[in-house]
Amino acid sequence: MPDVRQATYDLLRSHDLTTIFGNPGSNELPFLAGMPADFRYVLGLHEGAVLAMADGYALARGGSALVNLHAAAGTGNALGPLTNSVYSHSPLIITAGQQVRSTIGQEVMLANVDAATLPKPLVKWSCEPACAQDVPRSISHAIHIANLPAKGPVYVSVPYDDWSQEAPPEARHLLERTTGTAGSLSAAQLADLAGALDAAESPVLVLGPEVDAQNGNDDAVRLADRLGVPVWIAPSASRCPFPTRHRSFRGVLPAAVQGVTDALAGHDLILVVGAPVFRYHQFVPGEYLPAGARLIQLTGDPGEAARAPMGQALVGDVKDALARLADAVTAGRRPELPPLPEHPPAPSGGDRLHPAELFAVLRENAPADAVYVKESTATAADFWAQMDLSGQGSYFFPASGGLGFGLPAAVGAQLAHDDRQVIGLIGDGSANYGITALWTAAQYEIPVIIVILKNGTYGALRWFSKVLDAGETPGMDVPGIDFVQIAGGYGVAATSVRTRAEFADALAAALRSGKPAVIEAATELTEP
C-alpha cells in the first residue's frame, strides 16, 4: 500500500491541484521532499504574499488552488489576505504543517495549538485529522467542500509524522469521487420572478462575484438586453461580471446604505444576482431601499441569503437561474437604453500623472483582453470612467478591503494566464504589503506588469478622514519609497515615469519584453 504522502499526491493530481504555493518550514519538509515531477512548487517569501498569489491564480483559472503554510506562524501571516478570499468565494485548499502528533500537547516549538480553530471563522471548513489514516479523506473532504456552493477557502493541519504512515486501502476510492450541486429554481419560483420583472415599471439588476465566466456572465448580458434595464455592480465586488461599455452598465454601487439607496432611486424592483445584500463600508445611514422598491436576491450562498437585512432571497444555482430567467422574461417591453457616452477627456496632470490619464493610456495601448488586478482604492472613479472591460475575467479586486492582495494576486493571475497579459494597478501604500511577490515573478519568469501609482499617501484614508470628519491624523503619508530600486533588488526591471508620454513608452517596453516589469508612476491624489 502507498503511504499517506503518496496517496495525497495521487488525490491532488486527480483534482488538477499540481501547483503548490508555499513558503516551507520544517513541519512541511516531509510532505515536500521528493515531490513528484509533474507537480510545481511556487515559492513566495512571505505567507501573506503566498496566499494572495494563490488567490489570484484561483480567480484567473476559475478553479481551486493549493496552498502550503508553515504551522501557526505561517497561518497567522496569511490571515490578512485570507479575508479577501472569503468574500471572493475563492476555493483555496490550504494545508499547514503540524508538529509530531505525540508532542503537540506539550506545546513544543512549532506546535500549532488547537490548529483547526486558528483560521476560524474565516475559512469555510477546518480540521486536523484524528489519525494519519484519515489524512487523505480529510483533504478530499476539504477539496469538495471548498468547491461546493458557496465556494470558499478551507484548511487542513497535518502532523508531519503522518506522511510516512501507511494509507488505508479505501483511500483509492477518493480518486474517483465527484460532488456537484443540483439545486435550481422551481417552475413556480421562476414564473413568479419572471412575472415580477415583466410587471415592474423600472427594474434594475445588481450583479456580484458569483456571476462570472463559469456562472452566467453571458446570460446576465442576455437578461439585461431582453429587459432593457440598467446594471450595477455590487459594492466591494471582487470581479466585474458585466462589460463596462455595454449600454446597460452604470458602474459600481457605493459601499454605504444611503449611497446605494440614492443610486437605485426610481427603481421599483431590484434584482441582486450572485452578491450579498449589501456589503457596506463607510457608515452613512439611511433607508435600506428606495421608497416603493422591492428587492429579490438570487444567490448560491445560504449565509448571504440569511444575513441580508431586507428583501426576498432565493438560494440556488446562479448560472442555471440566470439562463432560465433570460429565456423566461418578455423581451421588448421597454425601449432600448441609449449607448453610453464617449469616455470623458482625461484631465492632464501637472508634474505628475492624473490617474485618469494613466487609465486612458492603458485603454488605448494595453491588449484588449488584458486582465487588471486593482488595489488602488483612491482611483476607483477614474478607473471606471476610463476603462473598457469587455472580456470575461478581466478585473479582480480585494473583496474585503484589506491591503496586500493586489500585487501578489497579479503575479498569481499571470501564472494562470499564458494567453493574456495581467496588469496590476497598485497604490504605493498597498504595494508594500505584498512587495516580496516581485521576487517570485522574477525567479519564475512570470511576465506580469505592475504599475505602482505613487502619490506618497494613503489616498483612500485621506478621503475617509473627511467622511468621518476626523481631521488630520498621524500615519497617513508614505514618502521616500523608491520602488525602482526595490524592484531591481528583487530582480525585476523597473522604471519611473511622471508624464503621459513617459508612461506610454514604459508600457510599450514592458509589453514587448515578455518579462516581469514594474512601472512607478508619480500620480496626483484624487478621491475614490
Protein backbone atom coordinates (compact mmCIF):
# COMPACT_ATOMS: atom_id res chain seq x y z
CA MET A 1 0.00 0.00 0.00
CA PRO A 2 1.21 3.58 -0.63
CA ASP A 3 1.96 5.82 2.32
CA VAL A 4 -0.24 8.78 3.25
CA ARG A 5 2.04 11.16 1.36
CA GLN A 6 1.78 9.24 -1.93
CA ALA A 7 -1.97 8.76 -1.53
CA THR A 8 -2.34 12.51 -1.03
CA TYR A 9 -0.30 13.38 -4.12
CA ASP A 10 -2.46 10.95 -6.13
CA LEU A 11 -5.57 12.66 -4.76
CA LEU A 12 -4.29 16.15 -5.57
CA ARG A 13 -3.35 15.06 -9.08
CA SER A 14 -6.87 13.71 -9.67
CA HIS A 15 -8.22 17.22 -8.92
CA ASP A 16 -5.64 19.04 -11.09
CA LEU A 17 -4.04 20.54 -7.99
CA THR A 18 -0.45 20.12 -9.14
CA THR A 19 0.71 23.69 -8.44
CA ILE A 20 1.59 24.34 -4.80
CA PHE A 21 2.04 27.87 -3.45
CA GLY A 22 4.06 27.98 -0.28
CA ASN A 23 6.89 29.05 1.97
CA PRO A 24 8.11 25.89 3.69
CA GLY A 25 9.22 25.30 7.26
CA SER A 26 10.47 22.19 9.00
CA ASN A 27 6.95 20.80 9.52
CA GLU A 28 6.31 20.84 5.77
CA LEU A 29 9.51 19.18 4.58
CA PRO A 30 8.38 15.53 4.93
CA PHE A 31 5.48 16.23 2.55
CA LEU A 32 7.52 18.23 0.04
CA ALA A 33 10.63 16.06 -0.05
CA GLY A 34 10.78 14.11 -3.32
CA MET A 35 7.78 15.96 -4.77
CA PRO A 36 6.55 14.20 -7.95
CA ALA A 37 7.95 15.58 -11.19
CA ASP A 38 4.54 16.63 -12.51
CA PHE A 39 4.00 18.96 -9.54
CA ARG A 40 5.18 22.58 -9.46
CA TYR A 41 6.16 24.43 -6.29
CA VAL A 42 5.82 28.24 -6.39
CA LEU A 43 7.86 29.79 -3.60
CA GLY A 44 6.85 33.07 -2.01
CA LEU A 45 8.96 34.92 0.54
CA HIS A 46 6.09 35.66 2.95
CA GLU A 47 2.92 33.67 3.59
CA GLY A 48 0.72 36.73 3.03
CA ALA A 49 2.09 37.02 -0.50
CA VAL A 50 1.82 33.23 -0.92
CA LEU A 51 -1.88 33.26 -0.04
CA ALA A 52 -2.64 36.24 -2.28
CA MET A 53 -0.71 34.72 -5.22
CA ALA A 54 -2.75 31.53 -4.85
CA ASP A 55 -5.95 33.58 -4.69
CA GLY A 56 -5.09 35.43 -7.92
CA TYR A 57 -4.23 32.12 -9.57
CA ALA A 58 -7.54 30.56 -8.48
CA LEU A 59 -9.60 33.56 -9.61
CA ALA A 60 -7.87 33.69 -13.01
CA ARG A 61 -8.14 29.97 -13.73
CA GLY A 62 -11.69 29.68 -12.37
CA GLY A 63 -10.80 26.76 -10.10
CA SER A 64 -9.04 25.73 -6.93
CA ALA A 65 -5.50 26.50 -5.81
CA LEU A 66 -3.37 24.62 -3.28
CA VAL A 67 -1.56 26.50 -0.51
CA ASN A 68 1.01 25.06 1.92
CA LEU A 69 1.64 27.14 5.05
CA HIS A 70 4.04 26.71 7.96
CA ALA A 71 2.31 25.82 11.22
CA ALA A 72 0.74 28.59 13.31
CA ALA A 73 3.20 31.33 12.36
CA GLY A 74 2.70 30.85 8.63
CA THR A 75 -1.04 30.59 9.05
CA GLY A 76 -1.09 33.82 11.02
CA ASN A 77 0.92 35.61 8.34
CA ALA A 78 -1.66 34.53 5.75
CA LEU A 79 -4.80 35.52 7.66
CA GLY A 80 -4.89 39.11 6.35
CA PRO A 81 -5.10 38.19 2.64
CA LEU A 82 -7.37 35.28 3.56
CA THR A 83 -10.14 37.77 4.39
CA ASN A 84 -10.31 38.68 0.69
CA SER A 85 -10.53 35.00 -0.34
CA VAL A 86 -13.59 34.51 1.85
CA TYR A 87 -15.64 37.23 0.18
CA SER A 88 -14.46 36.48 -3.33
CA HIS A 89 -15.53 32.84 -2.80
CA SER A 90 -12.08 31.58 -3.77
CA PRO A 91 -11.83 27.78 -3.31
CA LEU A 92 -8.36 27.70 -1.77
CA ILE A 93 -7.19 24.38 -0.35
CA ILE A 94 -4.94 25.48 2.50
CA THR A 95 -2.73 22.92 4.23
CA ALA A 96 -0.41 23.59 7.13
CA GLY A 97 2.33 21.52 8.69
CA GLN A 98 1.92 20.44 12.31
CA GLN A 99 4.42 19.08 14.82
CA VAL A 100 4.71 15.34 15.53
CA ARG A 101 1.42 14.11 16.98
CA SER A 102 2.82 12.90 20.29
CA THR A 103 4.38 16.30 21.05
CA ILE A 104 1.53 18.72 20.24
CA GLY A 105 0.10 18.64 23.77
CA GLN A 106 3.44 19.67 25.20
CA GLU A 107 3.29 22.85 23.09
CA VAL A 108 6.77 22.23 21.76
CA MET A 109 8.20 24.71 19.29
CA LEU A 110 6.20 24.94 16.06
CA ALA A 111 3.24 23.07 17.54
CA ASN A 112 0.03 24.59 16.19
CA VAL A 113 -2.10 24.62 19.34
CA ASP A 114 -5.77 23.94 18.54
CA ALA A 115 -4.86 24.12 14.86
CA ALA A 116 -8.37 23.76 13.44
CA THR A 117 -9.56 26.78 15.43
CA LEU A 118 -6.79 29.16 14.35
CA PRO A 119 -8.16 30.11 10.88
CA LYS A 120 -11.78 30.29 12.04
CA PRO A 121 -14.14 31.99 11.45
CA LEU A 122 -12.63 32.91 8.08
CA VAL A 123 -12.46 29.50 6.44
CA LYS A 124 -15.46 27.55 5.28
CA TRP A 125 -14.22 24.32 6.94
CA SER A 126 -11.23 23.47 9.07
CA CYS A 127 -9.80 20.29 10.58
CA GLU A 128 -6.84 18.37 11.88
CA PRO A 129 -7.39 14.67 11.08
CA ALA A 130 -7.83 12.46 14.13
CA CYS A 131 -5.24 9.99 12.84
CA ALA A 132 -2.77 9.59 9.98
CA GLN A 133 -5.03 7.18 8.10
CA ASP A 134 -7.70 9.89 7.87
CA VAL A 135 -5.43 12.47 6.20
CA PRO A 136 -6.29 11.60 2.56
CA ARG A 137 -10.02 11.53 3.31
CA SER A 138 -9.81 14.85 5.17
CA ILE A 139 -8.03 16.53 2.27
CA SER A 140 -10.61 15.07 -0.12
CA HIS A 141 -13.32 16.45 2.18
CA ALA A 142 -11.63 19.86 2.03
CA ILE A 143 -11.40 19.89 -1.77
CA HIS A 144 -15.06 19.02 -2.24
CA ILE A 145 -16.44 21.40 0.37
CA ALA A 146 -14.31 24.25 -0.97
CA ASN A 147 -15.90 23.83 -4.40
CA LEU A 148 -19.50 23.26 -3.36
CA PRO A 149 -21.77 26.32 -3.08
CA ALA A 150 -20.91 28.73 -1.73
CA LYS A 151 -17.26 28.26 -2.69
CA GLY A 152 -14.62 29.31 -0.22
CA PRO A 153 -11.26 28.58 1.41
CA VAL A 154 -10.70 25.54 3.65
CA TYR A 155 -7.89 24.49 6.00
CA VAL A 156 -6.28 21.18 6.95
CA SER A 157 -3.47 20.85 9.51
CA VAL A 158 -1.35 17.68 9.14
CA PRO A 159 1.21 16.43 11.70
CA TYR A 160 4.39 15.78 9.79
CA ASP A 161 4.87 12.24 11.03
CA ASP A 162 1.55 11.29 9.38
CA TRP A 163 3.01 11.42 5.87
CA SER A 164 5.11 8.28 6.26
CA GLN A 165 2.30 6.16 7.70
CA GLU A 166 0.59 3.53 5.56
CA ALA A 167 -2.52 4.79 3.78
CA PRO A 168 -5.74 2.80 4.26
CA PRO A 169 -6.83 0.62 1.30
CA GLU A 170 -10.06 2.58 0.93
CA ALA A 171 -8.11 5.75 0.04
CA ARG A 172 -8.18 4.58 -3.60
CA HIS A 173 -11.91 5.37 -3.75
CA LEU A 174 -11.17 9.06 -3.12
CA LEU A 175 -9.62 9.39 -6.59
CA GLU A 176 -12.95 8.77 -8.31
CA ARG A 177 -15.24 10.81 -6.06
CA THR A 178 -17.21 13.71 -7.52
CA THR A 179 -19.62 16.15 -5.96
CA GLY A 180 -21.84 18.79 -7.51
CA THR A 181 -24.84 20.97 -6.96
CA ALA A 182 -28.26 20.14 -8.32
CA GLY A 183 -30.36 22.94 -6.81
CA SER A 184 -32.36 25.17 -9.13
CA LEU A 185 -35.42 27.40 -9.05
CA SER A 186 -38.71 25.56 -9.21
CA ALA A 187 -41.02 26.25 -12.15
CA ALA A 188 -43.26 28.29 -9.86
CA GLN A 189 -40.37 30.35 -8.47
CA LEU A 190 -39.08 31.03 -11.97
CA ALA A 191 -42.52 32.07 -13.21
CA ASP A 192 -43.02 34.39 -10.22
CA LEU A 193 -39.63 36.03 -10.71
CA ALA A 194 -40.04 36.47 -14.47
CA GLY A 195 -43.52 37.85 -13.89
CA ALA A 196 -42.25 40.34 -11.34
CA LEU A 197 -39.59 41.58 -13.76
CA ASP A 198 -42.08 41.87 -16.59
CA ALA A 199 -44.59 43.74 -14.44
CA ALA A 200 -42.12 46.20 -12.92
CA GLU A 201 -42.13 49.72 -14.28
CA SER A 202 -38.41 50.27 -13.74
CA PRO A 203 -36.42 47.18 -12.71
CA VAL A 204 -32.65 47.20 -12.22
CA LEU A 205 -30.02 44.44 -11.98
CA VAL A 206 -27.21 44.35 -9.41
CA LEU A 207 -24.55 41.72 -10.14
CA GLY A 208 -21.90 40.26 -7.86
CA PRO A 209 -18.89 37.93 -7.85
CA GLU A 210 -20.90 34.73 -8.26
CA VAL A 211 -21.69 35.87 -11.80
CA ASP A 212 -18.53 35.07 -13.75
CA ALA A 213 -17.30 33.11 -16.75
CA GLN A 214 -18.39 29.85 -15.15
CA ASN A 215 -21.56 31.23 -13.62
CA GLY A 216 -23.66 33.02 -16.19
CA ASN A 217 -21.78 36.11 -17.35
CA ASP A 218 -23.21 35.80 -20.86
CA ASP A 219 -26.69 35.09 -19.51
CA ALA A 220 -26.54 38.26 -17.41
CA VAL A 221 -25.88 40.27 -20.56
CA ARG A 222 -28.72 38.49 -22.33
CA LEU A 223 -31.09 39.18 -19.43
CA ALA A 224 -30.19 42.87 -19.38
CA ASP A 225 -30.71 43.11 -23.14
CA ARG A 226 -34.10 41.42 -23.07
CA LEU A 227 -35.30 43.55 -20.16
CA GLY A 228 -33.71 46.80 -21.36
CA VAL A 229 -32.58 47.73 -17.84
CA PRO A 230 -29.58 49.33 -16.15
CA VAL A 231 -26.96 47.13 -14.47
CA TRP A 232 -24.90 47.98 -11.40
CA ILE A 233 -22.06 46.04 -9.83
CA ALA A 234 -22.48 45.22 -6.15
CA PRO A 235 -20.34 47.14 -3.63
CA SER A 236 -16.89 45.64 -2.94
CA ALA A 237 -17.28 43.03 -5.68
CA SER A 238 -14.09 41.07 -6.32
CA ARG A 239 -14.87 40.83 -10.05
CA CYS A 240 -16.60 42.85 -12.74
CA PRO A 241 -19.15 40.43 -14.22
CA PHE A 242 -20.50 42.75 -16.93
CA PRO A 243 -18.92 44.55 -19.91
CA THR A 244 -18.25 48.14 -18.90
CA ARG A 245 -19.14 49.67 -22.28
CA HIS A 246 -22.46 47.88 -22.58
CA ARG A 247 -25.35 50.34 -22.81
CA SER A 248 -26.76 48.97 -19.51
CA PHE A 249 -23.60 49.38 -17.41
CA ARG A 250 -23.86 52.00 -14.69
CA GLY A 251 -20.77 51.34 -12.56
CA VAL A 252 -20.14 50.04 -9.07
CA LEU A 253 -22.56 50.85 -6.27
CA PRO A 254 -21.14 52.89 -3.40
CA ALA A 255 -20.47 50.92 -0.23
CA ALA A 256 -22.85 52.88 2.01
CA VAL A 257 -26.53 52.49 2.88
CA GLN A 258 -27.59 55.93 1.70
CA GLY A 259 -25.28 55.73 -1.31
CA VAL A 260 -26.89 52.52 -2.54
CA THR A 261 -30.38 53.90 -1.93
CA ASP A 262 -29.62 57.10 -3.81
CA ALA A 263 -28.10 55.21 -6.75
CA LEU A 264 -31.11 52.91 -7.05
CA ALA A 265 -33.75 55.61 -6.53
CA GLY A 266 -36.60 55.46 -9.03
CA HIS A 267 -36.48 51.67 -9.46
CA ASP A 268 -39.41 49.63 -8.20
CA LEU A 269 -37.73 46.19 -8.46
CA ILE A 270 -34.09 45.47 -7.62
CA LEU A 271 -32.81 42.03 -8.64
CA VAL A 272 -29.50 41.21 -6.95
CA VAL A 273 -27.73 38.24 -8.52
CA GLY A 274 -24.70 36.48 -7.05
CA ALA A 275 -23.93 39.13 -4.44
CA PRO A 276 -24.60 39.82 -0.76
CA VAL A 277 -27.21 42.46 0.10
CA PHE A 278 -25.13 44.58 0.60
CA ARG A 279 -21.51 44.82 1.85
CA TYR A 280 -21.33 48.36 3.13
CA HIS A 281 -18.14 50.13 4.23
CA GLN A 282 -18.47 53.74 5.30
CA PHE A 283 -21.30 54.31 7.77
CA VAL A 284 -23.73 56.59 6.01
CA PRO A 285 -27.10 55.54 7.43
CA GLY A 286 -30.38 55.89 5.64
CA GLU A 287 -33.26 53.82 4.32
CA TYR A 288 -32.15 50.41 3.07
CA LEU A 289 -34.31 50.67 -0.06
CA PRO A 290 -35.77 53.48 -2.14
CA ALA A 291 -39.40 54.22 -1.42
CA GLY A 292 -41.70 51.70 -3.10
CA ALA A 293 -38.89 49.37 -4.17
CA ARG A 294 -38.92 45.58 -3.80
CA LEU A 295 -35.65 43.62 -3.62
CA ILE A 296 -35.14 39.99 -4.70
CA GLN A 297 -31.81 38.22 -4.26
CA LEU A 298 -30.57 35.20 -6.21
CA THR A 299 -27.57 33.56 -4.54
CA GLY A 300 -25.82 30.24 -4.13
CA ASP A 301 -24.75 31.18 -0.60
CA PRO A 302 -27.25 30.41 2.20
CA GLY A 303 -25.25 32.61 4.57
CA GLU A 304 -25.59 35.63 2.30
CA ALA A 305 -29.30 34.96 1.96
CA ALA A 306 -29.84 34.63 5.70
CA ARG A 307 -27.93 37.69 6.87
CA ALA A 308 -29.40 40.25 4.47
CA PRO A 309 -31.42 42.90 6.36
CA MET A 310 -34.14 43.26 3.73
CA GLY A 311 -35.73 41.68 0.67
CA GLN A 312 -36.65 38.22 -0.53
CA ALA A 313 -33.92 35.64 -1.16
CA LEU A 314 -33.84 32.58 -3.41
CA VAL A 315 -30.93 30.17 -2.88
CA GLY A 316 -29.88 28.00 -5.81
CA ASP A 317 -27.63 27.60 -8.82
CA VAL A 318 -26.96 31.14 -10.08
CA LYS A 319 -25.91 30.13 -13.60
CA ASP A 320 -28.99 27.96 -14.09
CA ALA A 321 -31.27 30.66 -12.70
CA LEU A 322 -29.83 33.36 -14.98
CA ALA A 323 -30.05 31.20 -18.09
CA ARG A 324 -33.66 30.18 -17.46
CA LEU A 325 -34.68 33.67 -16.37
CA ALA A 326 -33.22 35.25 -19.52
CA ASP A 327 -35.40 32.87 -21.55
CA ALA A 328 -38.49 33.40 -19.39
CA VAL A 329 -38.79 37.20 -19.34
CA THR A 330 -40.62 39.05 -22.07
CA ALA A 331 -38.29 40.92 -24.39
CA GLY A 332 -39.01 44.35 -25.82
CA ARG A 333 -41.35 45.66 -23.12
CA ARG A 334 -39.10 48.67 -22.57
CA PRO A 335 -37.31 50.91 -25.06
CA GLU A 336 -33.66 50.12 -25.67
CA LEU A 337 -31.29 52.10 -23.49
CA PRO A 338 -29.13 54.64 -25.35
CA PRO A 339 -25.43 53.87 -25.86
CA LEU A 340 -23.05 55.09 -23.19
CA PRO A 341 -21.38 58.45 -23.89
CA GLU A 342 -17.76 58.50 -25.01
CA HIS A 343 -15.09 58.28 -22.35
CA PRO A 344 -14.64 61.68 -20.70
CA PRO A 345 -11.42 63.52 -21.55
CA ALA A 346 -8.72 62.61 -19.07
CA PRO A 347 -7.55 65.62 -17.05
CA SER A 348 -3.92 66.48 -17.59
CA GLY A 349 -1.70 66.45 -14.54
CA GLY A 350 0.99 68.99 -13.74
CA ASP A 351 4.31 67.50 -12.74
CA ARG A 352 2.52 64.21 -12.01
CA LEU A 353 0.14 61.99 -13.96
CA HIS A 354 -3.54 62.32 -13.25
CA PRO A 355 -4.82 58.75 -12.61
CA ALA A 356 -7.41 59.21 -15.37
CA GLU A 357 -4.56 59.89 -17.82
CA LEU A 358 -2.85 56.68 -16.77
CA PHE A 359 -6.02 54.63 -17.24
CA ALA A 360 -6.70 56.25 -20.60
CA VAL A 361 -3.21 55.22 -21.77
CA LEU A 362 -3.93 51.66 -20.66
CA ARG A 363 -7.26 51.63 -22.51
CA GLU A 364 -5.59 52.88 -25.68
CA ASN A 365 -2.39 50.81 -25.59
CA ALA A 366 -2.80 47.65 -23.48
CA PRO A 367 -4.09 44.46 -25.12
CA ALA A 368 -7.88 44.48 -25.44
CA ASP A 369 -8.13 41.29 -23.39
CA ALA A 370 -5.76 42.42 -20.63
CA VAL A 371 -6.58 41.33 -17.08
CA TYR A 372 -6.44 44.05 -14.42
CA VAL A 373 -5.82 43.37 -10.74
CA LYS A 374 -6.56 46.62 -8.95
CA GLU A 375 -5.60 47.69 -5.45
CA SER A 376 -5.51 51.44 -5.76
CA THR A 377 -8.68 52.33 -3.93
CA ALA A 378 -8.43 56.11 -4.21
CA THR A 379 -8.63 55.97 -8.01
CA ALA A 380 -11.88 53.99 -8.39
CA ALA A 381 -13.95 56.71 -10.06
CA ASP A 382 -11.28 57.48 -12.66
CA PHE A 383 -10.75 53.78 -13.39
CA TRP A 384 -14.39 53.04 -14.16
CA ALA A 385 -14.76 56.23 -16.20
CA GLN A 386 -11.81 55.38 -18.47
CA MET A 387 -11.62 51.62 -18.83
CA ASP A 388 -13.24 49.32 -21.39
CA LEU A 389 -13.51 45.82 -19.91
CA SER A 390 -15.36 43.55 -22.29
CA GLY A 391 -13.72 40.15 -21.80
CA GLN A 392 -14.72 37.78 -19.04
CA GLY A 393 -12.38 37.62 -16.08
CA SER A 394 -10.80 41.00 -16.86
CA TYR A 395 -10.90 42.56 -13.39
CA PHE A 396 -10.12 41.45 -9.84
CA PHE A 397 -10.28 43.46 -6.62
CA PRO A 398 -9.71 42.71 -2.89
CA ALA A 399 -13.19 41.80 -1.73
CA SER A 400 -12.71 42.50 1.98
CA GLY A 401 -10.88 45.79 1.50
CA GLY A 402 -7.76 44.61 3.31
CA LEU A 403 -4.47 45.56 1.66
CA GLY A 404 -1.89 43.07 0.43
CA PHE A 405 -3.94 41.23 -2.18
CA GLY A 406 -3.18 43.17 -5.33
CA LEU A 407 0.49 42.80 -6.23
CA PRO A 408 0.82 39.08 -5.33
CA ALA A 409 -2.60 38.31 -6.85
CA ALA A 410 -1.45 39.86 -10.13
CA VAL A 411 1.58 37.55 -10.11
CA GLY A 412 -0.66 34.54 -9.43
CA ALA A 413 -3.17 35.57 -12.09
CA GLN A 414 -0.39 35.90 -14.68
CA LEU A 415 0.85 32.43 -13.74
CA ALA A 416 -2.61 31.12 -14.63
CA HIS A 417 -2.73 33.03 -17.94
CA ASP A 418 -0.37 32.04 -20.71
CA ASP A 419 -2.55 33.81 -23.27
CA ARG A 420 -3.49 37.11 -21.58
CA GLN A 421 -1.46 39.97 -20.18
CA VAL A 422 -2.05 40.71 -16.50
CA ILE A 423 -1.53 44.27 -15.29
CA GLY A 424 -1.53 45.08 -11.58
CA LEU A 425 -2.66 48.61 -10.66
CA ILE A 426 -1.33 49.01 -7.16
CA GLY A 427 -1.23 52.00 -4.81
CA ASP A 428 2.10 52.84 -3.22
CA GLY A 429 0.62 52.18 0.21
CA SER A 430 -0.78 48.81 -0.88
CA ALA A 431 2.36 47.70 -2.71
CA ASN A 432 4.43 47.35 0.45
CA TYR A 433 2.15 44.66 1.87
CA GLY A 434 2.98 42.17 -0.88
CA ILE A 435 6.16 43.53 -2.44
CA THR A 436 8.03 40.24 -1.96
CA ALA A 437 5.92 38.71 -4.74
CA LEU A 438 8.21 40.54 -7.17
CA TRP A 439 10.94 38.04 -6.29
CA THR A 440 8.61 35.18 -7.25
CA ALA A 441 7.79 36.88 -10.55
CA ALA A 442 11.50 37.26 -11.30
CA GLN A 443 12.54 33.75 -10.28
CA TYR A 444 9.73 32.02 -12.20
CA GLU A 445 9.88 34.45 -15.15
CA ILE A 446 6.22 35.42 -14.78
CA PRO A 447 5.67 38.31 -17.24
CA VAL A 448 3.27 40.36 -15.12
CA ILE A 449 3.31 44.16 -15.39
CA ILE A 450 2.96 46.02 -12.10
CA VAL A 451 2.02 49.71 -12.25
CA ILE A 452 2.53 51.39 -8.89
CA LEU A 453 0.52 54.61 -8.59
CA LYS A 454 2.74 56.65 -6.32
CA ASN A 455 1.15 59.65 -4.60
CA GLY A 456 3.04 59.36 -1.31
CA THR A 457 -0.01 58.89 0.89
CA TYR A 458 -2.85 56.53 1.78
CA GLY A 459 -5.31 58.28 -0.52
CA ALA A 460 -8.39 56.34 0.50
CA LEU A 461 -7.68 57.08 4.17
CA ARG A 462 -7.38 60.79 3.44
CA TRP A 463 -10.78 60.69 1.74
CA PHE A 464 -12.24 58.64 4.60
CA SER A 465 -10.97 61.11 7.19
CA LYS A 466 -13.18 63.70 5.50
CA VAL A 467 -16.18 61.34 5.61
CA LEU A 468 -15.61 60.81 9.33
CA ASP A 469 -14.73 64.48 9.92
CA ALA A 470 -11.63 63.17 11.69
CA GLY A 471 -9.31 65.98 10.70
CA GLU A 472 -5.57 65.47 10.30
CA THR A 473 -4.37 62.18 11.77
CA PRO A 474 -0.92 60.60 12.00
CA GLY A 475 0.33 57.78 9.79
CA MET A 476 -1.31 58.91 6.54
CA ASP A 477 1.77 59.51 4.41
CA VAL A 478 4.35 57.07 2.99
CA PRO A 479 7.10 59.26 1.49
CA GLY A 480 10.62 58.30 0.48
CA ILE A 481 9.98 54.89 -1.13
CA ASP A 482 11.93 54.11 -4.31
CA PHE A 483 10.12 51.24 -5.98
CA VAL A 484 12.55 51.20 -8.90
CA GLN A 485 15.40 50.27 -6.59
CA ILE A 486 13.26 47.84 -4.60
CA ALA A 487 12.10 46.05 -7.76
CA GLY A 488 15.66 45.90 -9.04
CA GLY A 489 16.76 44.30 -5.81
CA TYR A 490 14.23 41.53 -6.36
CA GLY A 491 15.40 41.07 -9.95
CA VAL A 492 12.59 42.88 -11.78
CA ALA A 493 13.27 45.62 -14.35
CA ALA A 494 11.64 48.90 -13.33
CA THR A 495 11.29 52.48 -14.47
CA SER A 496 9.84 55.69 -13.05
CA VAL A 497 7.51 57.98 -15.04
CA ARG A 498 5.78 61.30 -14.45
CA THR A 499 4.05 62.14 -17.75
CA ARG A 500 1.55 60.55 -20.09
CA ALA A 501 4.15 60.12 -22.83
CA GLU A 502 6.66 58.55 -20.46
CA PHE A 503 4.05 56.11 -19.20
CA ALA A 504 3.01 55.14 -22.73
CA ASP A 505 6.65 54.45 -23.63
CA ALA A 506 7.26 52.43 -20.46
CA LEU A 507 4.12 50.39 -21.02
CA ALA A 508 5.08 49.61 -24.59
CA ALA A 509 8.55 48.50 -23.49
CA ALA A 510 7.10 46.29 -20.74
CA LEU A 511 4.68 44.65 -23.17
CA ARG A 512 7.50 43.97 -25.65
CA SER A 513 9.81 42.49 -23.06
CA GLY A 514 7.81 39.38 -22.18
CA LYS A 515 9.33 39.66 -18.69
CA PRO A 516 8.06 40.93 -15.33
CA ALA A 517 8.20 44.71 -15.15
CA VAL A 518 7.42 47.47 -12.67
CA ILE A 519 6.39 50.98 -13.68
CA GLU A 520 6.45 53.51 -10.85
CA ALA A 521 4.08 56.30 -11.90
CA ALA A 522 4.05 59.54 -9.93
CA THR A 523 0.34 60.39 -9.70
CA GLU A 524 -1.84 63.15 -8.32
CA LEU A 525 -4.02 62.47 -5.28
CA THR A 526 -7.67 62.02 -6.22
CA GLU A 527 -10.81 60.89 -4.40
CA PRO A 528 -12.48 57.47 -4.89
